[in-house]
Amino acid sequence: MAQSRDDDQLAGRLVAVAALGLVLIIPPLLTQFDRPDRVFGVPVLWAYLYIVWAVVIGLVAVLGGRSR
């Protein structure tokens, strides 16, 4: 029984991370970063997308590492 509850909690957390990732890449938010400025030679929009991608992967890794 405890295994099922742990799996349900993990699934819920993974859904929350997916929802966060989706919210961070919706077009109204992306337009805030679509400008000609550059960060270390990379356009701001691309830097933002890579940071969001890395954060989502990091969160999934942390949750997956704690699950068992």
N, C-alpha and C. Protein backbone atom coordinates (compact mmCIF):
# COMPACT_ATOMS: atom_id res chain seq x y z
N MET A 1 0.81 -1.18 0.00
CA MET A 1 0.00 0.00 0.00
C MET A 1 0.86 1.26 0.00
N ALA A 2 1.93 1.27 0.77
CA ALA A 2 2.80 2.44 0.84
C ALA A 2 3.48 2.69 -0.51
N GLN A 3 3.79 1.62 -1.22
CA GLN A 3 4.43 1.75 -2.54
C GLN A 3 3.51 2.50 -3.51
N SER A 4 2.24 2.18 -3.48
CA SER A 4 1.27 2.83 -4.35
C SER A 4 1.16 4.32 -4.04
N ARG A 5 1.15 4.66 -2.75
CA ARG A 5 1.05 6.07 -2.36
C ARG A 5 2.30 6.83 -2.80
N ASP A 6 3.48 6.21 -2.66
CA ASP A 6 4.72 6.85 -3.10
C ASP A 6 4.71 7.07 -4.61
N ASP A 7 4.23 6.07 -5.35
CA ASP A 7 4.14 6.22 -6.81
C ASP A 7 3.17 7.33 -7.20
N ASP A 8 2.06 7.43 -6.47
CA ASP A 8 1.09 8.49 -6.74
C ASP A 8 1.69 9.86 -6.46
N GLN A 9 2.44 9.98 -5.37
CA GLN A 9 3.08 11.26 -5.05
C GLN A 9 4.11 11.62 -6.11
N LEU A 10 4.90 10.64 -6.54
CA LEU A 10 5.91 10.90 -7.58
C LEU A 10 5.23 11.32 -8.86
N ALA A 11 4.17 10.64 -9.23
CA ALA A 11 3.45 10.99 -10.46
C ALA A 11 2.89 12.41 -10.36
N GLY A 12 2.35 12.76 -9.22
CA GLY A 12 1.81 14.11 -9.03
C GLY A 12 2.90 15.16 -9.13
N ARG A 13 4.04 14.88 -8.56
CA ARG A 13 5.15 15.85 -8.63
C ARG A 13 5.68 15.99 -10.05
N LEU A 14 5.74 14.87 -10.77
CA LEU A 14 6.20 14.94 -12.16
C LEU A 14 5.21 15.71 -13.02
N VAL A 15 3.93 15.54 -12.76
CA VAL A 15 2.92 16.32 -13.48
C VAL A 15 3.09 17.81 -13.17
N ALA A 16 3.38 18.12 -11.92
CA ALA A 16 3.60 19.53 -11.53
C ALA A 16 4.82 20.11 -12.25
N VAL A 17 5.88 19.33 -12.37
CA VAL A 17 7.08 19.81 -13.08
C VAL A 17 6.76 20.02 -14.55
N ALA A 18 6.01 19.10 -15.15
CA ALA A 18 5.62 19.25 -16.55
C ALA A 18 4.76 20.50 -16.74
N ALA A 19 3.83 20.73 -15.81
CA ALA A 19 2.98 21.93 -15.90
C ALA A 19 3.82 23.19 -15.76
N LEU A 20 4.79 23.18 -14.85
CA LEU A 20 5.68 24.32 -14.69
C LEU A 20 6.45 24.58 -15.98
N GLY A 21 6.99 23.52 -16.57
CA GLY A 21 7.71 23.67 -17.83
C GLY A 21 6.83 24.24 -18.93
N LEU A 22 5.58 23.79 -18.97
CA LEU A 22 4.65 24.28 -19.98
C LEU A 22 4.35 25.76 -19.75
N VAL A 23 4.11 26.14 -18.52
CA VAL A 23 3.81 27.54 -18.21
C VAL A 23 4.99 28.44 -18.56
N LEU A 24 6.20 27.95 -18.33
CA LEU A 24 7.39 28.78 -18.59
C LEU A 24 7.68 28.97 -20.07
N ILE A 25 7.04 28.17 -20.95
CA ILE A 25 7.31 28.33 -22.38
C ILE A 25 6.09 28.76 -23.19
N ILE A 26 5.04 29.24 -22.50
CA ILE A 26 3.89 29.73 -23.26
C ILE A 26 4.26 31.04 -23.95
N PRO A 27 3.69 31.26 -25.13
CA PRO A 27 4.07 32.44 -25.91
C PRO A 27 3.99 33.79 -25.20
N PRO A 28 2.98 34.09 -24.38
CA PRO A 28 3.00 35.41 -23.73
C PRO A 28 4.24 35.63 -22.86
N LEU A 29 4.72 34.60 -22.22
CA LEU A 29 5.92 34.74 -21.40
C LEU A 29 7.17 34.80 -22.27
N LEU A 30 7.18 34.04 -23.35
CA LEU A 30 8.35 34.06 -24.24
C LEU A 30 8.56 35.42 -24.88
N THR A 31 7.48 36.15 -25.14
CA THR A 31 7.65 37.46 -25.76
C THR A 31 8.41 38.44 -24.86
N GLN A 32 8.41 38.19 -23.55
CA GLN A 32 9.17 39.04 -22.63
C GLN A 32 10.68 38.89 -22.85
N PHE A 33 11.10 37.76 -23.40
CA PHE A 33 12.52 37.50 -23.59
C PHE A 33 12.95 37.61 -25.05
N ASP A 34 12.03 37.92 -25.94
CA ASP A 34 12.35 38.03 -27.36
C ASP A 34 12.79 39.46 -27.65
N ARG A 35 14.06 39.71 -27.43
CA ARG A 35 14.65 41.02 -27.69
C ARG A 35 16.03 40.85 -28.31
N PRO A 36 16.56 41.89 -28.89
CA PRO A 36 17.85 41.76 -29.59
C PRO A 36 19.07 41.66 -28.67
N ASP A 37 18.89 41.81 -27.36
CA ASP A 37 20.03 41.74 -26.44
C ASP A 37 20.63 40.34 -26.46
N ARG A 38 21.87 40.26 -25.96
CA ARG A 38 22.56 38.97 -25.92
C ARG A 38 23.13 38.74 -24.53
N VAL A 39 23.17 37.47 -24.13
CA VAL A 39 23.77 37.05 -22.87
C VAL A 39 24.91 36.11 -23.22
N PHE A 40 26.14 36.51 -22.96
CA PHE A 40 27.32 35.74 -23.35
C PHE A 40 27.30 35.38 -24.83
N GLY A 41 26.83 36.29 -25.65
CA GLY A 41 26.80 36.08 -27.09
C GLY A 41 25.62 35.30 -27.60
N VAL A 42 24.73 34.89 -26.71
CA VAL A 42 23.55 34.10 -27.08
C VAL A 42 22.33 34.99 -26.94
N PRO A 43 21.41 34.95 -27.91
CA PRO A 43 20.20 35.76 -27.77
C PRO A 43 19.46 35.43 -26.46
N VAL A 44 18.84 36.43 -25.86
CA VAL A 44 18.18 36.27 -24.57
C VAL A 44 17.12 35.17 -24.62
N LEU A 45 16.36 35.10 -25.70
CA LEU A 45 15.31 34.08 -25.82
C LEU A 45 15.90 32.68 -25.76
N TRP A 46 16.97 32.45 -26.47
CA TRP A 46 17.60 31.11 -26.46
C TRP A 46 18.19 30.79 -25.10
N ALA A 47 18.80 31.78 -24.47
CA ALA A 47 19.34 31.56 -23.12
C ALA A 47 18.22 31.19 -22.16
N TYR A 48 17.10 31.89 -22.22
CA TYR A 48 15.95 31.59 -21.37
C TYR A 48 15.45 30.17 -21.62
N LEU A 49 15.29 29.80 -22.88
CA LEU A 49 14.80 28.45 -23.19
C LEU A 49 15.74 27.36 -22.68
N TYR A 50 17.04 27.56 -22.82
CA TYR A 50 18.00 26.57 -22.32
C TYR A 50 17.98 26.50 -20.79
N ILE A 51 17.81 27.63 -20.14
CA ILE A 51 17.74 27.63 -18.67
C ILE A 51 16.49 26.90 -18.20
N VAL A 52 15.35 27.17 -18.83
CA VAL A 52 14.11 26.48 -18.48
C VAL A 52 14.27 24.98 -18.70
N TRP A 53 14.85 24.60 -19.82
CA TRP A 53 15.06 23.19 -20.15
C TRP A 53 15.94 22.53 -19.09
N ALA A 54 17.01 23.18 -18.70
CA ALA A 54 17.92 22.62 -17.70
C ALA A 54 17.25 22.52 -16.33
N VAL A 55 16.45 23.50 -15.96
CA VAL A 55 15.76 23.46 -14.67
C VAL A 55 14.75 22.31 -14.64
N VAL A 56 14.00 22.14 -15.71
CA VAL A 56 13.01 21.05 -15.75
C VAL A 56 13.71 19.70 -15.68
N ILE A 57 14.79 19.52 -16.42
CA ILE A 57 15.53 18.26 -16.36
C ILE A 57 16.12 18.06 -14.97
N GLY A 58 16.65 19.11 -14.36
CA GLY A 58 17.20 19.00 -13.01
C GLY A 58 16.14 18.60 -11.99
N LEU A 59 14.95 19.19 -12.09
CA LEU A 59 13.87 18.83 -11.18
C LEU A 59 13.43 17.38 -11.35
N VAL A 60 13.34 16.92 -12.58
CA VAL A 60 12.98 15.52 -12.84
C VAL A 60 14.07 14.60 -12.28
N ALA A 61 15.33 14.97 -12.44
CA ALA A 61 16.42 14.15 -11.91
C ALA A 61 16.38 14.08 -10.39
N VAL A 62 16.11 15.20 -9.75
CA VAL A 62 16.02 15.22 -8.27
C VAL A 62 14.85 14.37 -7.82
N LEU A 63 13.71 14.53 -8.44
CA LEU A 63 12.55 13.74 -8.05
C LEU A 63 12.75 12.26 -8.33
N GLY A 64 13.37 11.93 -9.43
CA GLY A 64 13.63 10.53 -9.76
C GLY A 64 14.67 9.91 -8.84
N GLY A 65 15.63 10.69 -8.42
CA GLY A 65 16.67 10.18 -7.53
C GLY A 65 16.14 9.93 -6.11
N ARG A 66 15.16 10.72 -5.71
CA ARG A 66 14.58 10.56 -4.38
C ARG A 66 13.50 9.51 -4.31
N SER A 67 13.02 9.06 -5.46
CA SER A 67 11.84 8.21 -5.47
C SER A 67 12.10 6.81 -4.91
N ARG A 68 13.30 6.28 -5.01
CA ARG A 68 13.54 4.90 -4.54
C ARG A 68 14.69 4.88 -3.58
